[in-house]
Amino acid sequence: MQEGTLLGNRFRLGPRMARGRRGELFAATDGEDGKICQVEVIAASGQRVEDLGAELAREVLLGGRLPDSCLSARGWGRMAPDILFVARRWLPGLRPFDVTTGPLAARLSRLRRLAERVHELHQAGVIHRDLSILTALQTEQDVFLGGLRFAKAEGVEE
């Protein structure tokens, strides 16, 4: 993958960020609104390709319902018959949620903010179903929810 590659006629790849749980992670820019995204490129094979495509399509559909406090999927597509990608909202400085460091008041504030984020999600009619320290994320200023591929919402098939 080269920087500058356009995926799905919408997402312009930036530098490689890391290896994720399912594939390679790249910074990207959404051509529709110029916002920063993270693109995950996933290699699949056999029937798994169709299942994965359905999962990513569902995640994007669900993403349209989610509040801004969620790192929702913005789009997905195929790069090759067995290589798919999904672009998700991303923020500079995003890191895993941490309640083990800092003053007690700051840790309690982050926990309170996380509870507010879960409540916002529920108010939008969505149940996360995979909340953990891997899917709760933070910046210096705020807390966000990611890992929404298993989320459940009325009217969105599983």
Protein backbone atom coordinates (compact mmCIF):
# COMPACT_ATOMS: atom_id res chain seq x y z
CA MET A 1 0.00 0.00 0.00
CA GLN A 2 1.31 3.37 -0.96
CA GLU A 3 0.50 6.70 0.60
CA GLY A 4 -1.89 8.60 -1.61
CA THR A 5 -3.76 5.51 -2.81
CA LEU A 6 -7.49 6.22 -3.10
CA LEU A 7 -9.75 3.50 -1.68
CA GLY A 8 -13.40 3.29 -2.69
CA ASN A 9 -13.08 6.62 -4.53
CA ARG A 10 -13.24 8.27 -1.11
CA PHE A 11 -10.45 7.47 1.37
CA ARG A 12 -6.92 8.73 0.65
CA LEU A 13 -4.30 6.60 2.40
CA GLY A 14 -1.70 8.16 4.60
CA PRO A 15 1.13 6.39 6.41
CA ARG A 16 0.91 2.89 7.86
CA MET A 17 0.08 3.12 11.56
CA ALA A 18 0.33 -0.43 12.93
CA ARG A 19 -0.73 -4.03 12.63
CA GLY A 20 -4.25 -4.47 14.03
CA ARG A 21 -6.09 -7.56 15.23
CA ARG A 22 -7.38 -8.36 11.74
CA GLY A 23 -5.12 -6.47 9.36
CA GLU A 24 -2.90 -3.51 8.60
CA LEU A 25 -3.92 -0.08 9.90
CA PHE A 26 -3.34 3.11 7.92
CA ALA A 27 -4.07 6.77 8.50
CA ALA A 28 -6.41 8.16 5.84
CA THR A 29 -8.44 11.22 4.94
CA ASP A 30 -12.13 11.02 4.05
CA GLY A 31 -12.57 12.79 0.71
CA GLU A 32 -16.16 13.71 1.54
CA ASP A 33 -15.42 15.90 4.55
CA GLY A 34 -11.63 15.92 5.01
CA LYS A 35 -11.81 14.19 8.40
CA ILE A 36 -9.08 11.88 9.64
CA CYS A 37 -9.86 8.17 9.48
CA GLN A 38 -8.13 4.93 10.22
CA VAL A 39 -8.36 2.36 7.45
CA GLU A 40 -8.06 -1.32 8.30
CA VAL A 41 -7.05 -3.52 5.35
CA ILE A 42 -8.14 -7.11 5.89
CA ALA A 43 -7.14 -10.17 3.87
CA ALA A 44 -9.75 -12.93 3.92
CA SER A 45 -10.35 -16.13 2.00
CA GLY A 46 -13.16 -18.41 0.91
CA GLN A 47 -16.60 -17.96 2.43
CA ARG A 48 -15.10 -15.72 5.05
CA VAL A 49 -14.84 -12.96 2.40
CA GLU A 50 -18.63 -12.79 2.00
CA ASP A 51 -19.22 -12.98 5.75
CA LEU A 52 -16.66 -10.26 6.37
CA GLY A 53 -18.19 -8.06 3.67
CA ALA A 54 -21.62 -8.43 5.28
CA GLU A 55 -20.12 -7.63 8.70
CA LEU A 56 -18.41 -4.48 7.40
CA ALA A 57 -21.56 -3.33 5.56
CA ARG A 58 -23.53 -3.76 8.79
CA GLU A 59 -20.92 -1.82 10.75
CA VAL A 60 -21.12 1.10 8.30
CA LEU A 61 -24.93 1.06 8.38
CA LEU A 62 -24.82 1.12 12.17
CA GLY A 63 -22.22 3.89 12.07
CA GLY A 64 -24.77 6.27 10.65
CA ARG A 65 -26.77 6.02 13.89
CA LEU A 66 -23.94 6.55 16.32
CA PRO A 67 -23.17 9.73 18.26
CA ASP A 68 -19.90 11.62 17.66
CA SER A 69 -18.47 10.04 20.81
CA CYS A 70 -18.10 6.79 18.83
CA LEU A 71 -15.34 5.88 16.42
CA SER A 72 -17.87 4.67 13.87
CA ALA A 73 -17.28 3.08 10.49
CA ARG A 74 -17.56 5.59 7.64
CA GLY A 75 -17.21 3.27 4.66
CA TRP A 76 -15.94 -0.07 3.40
CA GLY A 77 -15.07 -1.76 0.14
CA ARG A 78 -13.01 -4.33 -1.74
CA MET A 79 -9.50 -3.78 -2.96
CA ALA A 80 -9.28 -7.24 -4.53
CA PRO A 81 -11.53 -10.32 -4.42
CA ASP A 82 -10.11 -11.37 -1.05
CA ILE A 83 -8.92 -8.04 0.37
CA LEU A 84 -11.41 -5.71 2.03
CA PHE A 85 -11.08 -2.43 3.89
CA VAL A 86 -13.08 -0.46 6.41
CA ALA A 87 -12.55 3.20 7.29
CA ARG A 88 -13.40 4.39 10.79
CA ARG A 89 -13.37 7.78 12.45
CA TRP A 90 -10.04 8.44 14.15
CA LEU A 91 -8.53 11.15 16.31
CA PRO A 92 -4.90 12.20 16.83
CA GLY A 93 -3.54 11.12 20.19
CA LEU A 94 -6.10 8.34 20.64
CA ARG A 95 -4.91 5.62 22.99
CA PRO A 96 -6.35 2.81 25.15
CA PHE A 97 -8.52 3.86 28.07
CA ASP A 98 -6.51 4.11 31.29
CA VAL A 99 -7.72 4.26 34.88
CA THR A 100 -4.44 3.16 36.43
CA THR A 101 -2.46 6.40 36.11
CA GLY A 102 -2.94 9.99 37.15
CA PRO A 103 -4.57 11.58 40.16
CA LEU A 104 -7.65 9.85 41.56
CA ALA A 105 -9.90 12.76 40.56
CA ALA A 106 -8.73 12.49 36.92
CA ARG A 107 -9.26 8.72 36.88
CA LEU A 108 -12.77 9.11 38.30
CA SER A 109 -13.51 11.81 35.75
CA ARG A 110 -12.49 9.47 32.90
CA LEU A 111 -14.71 6.69 34.31
CA ARG A 112 -17.63 9.10 34.62
CA ARG A 113 -17.08 10.24 31.03
CA LEU A 114 -16.99 6.62 29.86
CA ALA A 115 -20.32 5.97 31.61
CA GLU A 116 -21.76 9.05 29.86
CA ARG A 117 -20.54 7.73 26.51
CA VAL A 118 -22.22 4.36 27.09
CA HIS A 119 -25.42 6.18 28.08
CA GLU A 120 -25.28 8.29 24.87
CA LEU A 121 -24.95 5.09 22.87
CA HIS A 122 -27.97 3.57 24.62
CA GLN A 123 -29.95 6.77 24.03
CA ALA A 124 -29.24 6.26 20.31
CA GLY A 125 -30.78 2.78 20.61
CA VAL A 126 -27.49 0.90 20.36
CA ILE A 127 -26.01 -1.72 22.70
CA HIS A 128 -22.21 -2.01 22.46
CA ARG A 129 -21.79 -5.72 23.43
CA ASP A 130 -17.96 -5.58 23.40
CA LEU A 131 -17.05 -2.89 25.93
CA SER A 132 -13.54 -3.40 27.32
CA ILE A 133 -10.28 -1.56 27.80
CA LEU A 134 -9.58 -2.39 24.15
CA THR A 135 -12.73 -0.67 22.87
CA ALA A 136 -12.81 2.30 25.27
CA LEU A 137 -10.28 4.90 24.11
CA GLN A 138 -9.15 8.31 25.22
CA THR A 139 -7.32 11.44 24.15
CA GLU A 140 -5.94 14.06 26.53
CA GLN A 141 -9.33 15.82 26.36
CA ASP A 142 -12.02 13.15 26.14
CA VAL A 143 -13.17 9.51 26.08
CA PHE A 144 -14.53 7.63 23.04
CA LEU A 145 -16.05 4.26 22.21
CA GLY A 146 -14.64 2.08 19.45
CA GLY A 147 -14.91 -1.61 18.60
CA LEU A 148 -18.54 -1.35 17.53
CA ARG A 149 -18.59 -4.23 15.05
CA PHE A 150 -20.62 -6.40 17.47
CA ALA A 151 -23.00 -3.61 18.49
CA LYS A 152 -26.72 -4.28 18.30
CA ALA A 153 -29.40 -1.83 17.19
CA GLU A 154 -33.05 -2.16 16.33
CA GLY A 155 -33.58 -2.40 12.59
CA VAL A 156 -29.99 -3.46 11.83
CA GLU A 157 -29.72 -7.19 11.14
CA GLU A 158 -26.99 -9.23 12.79
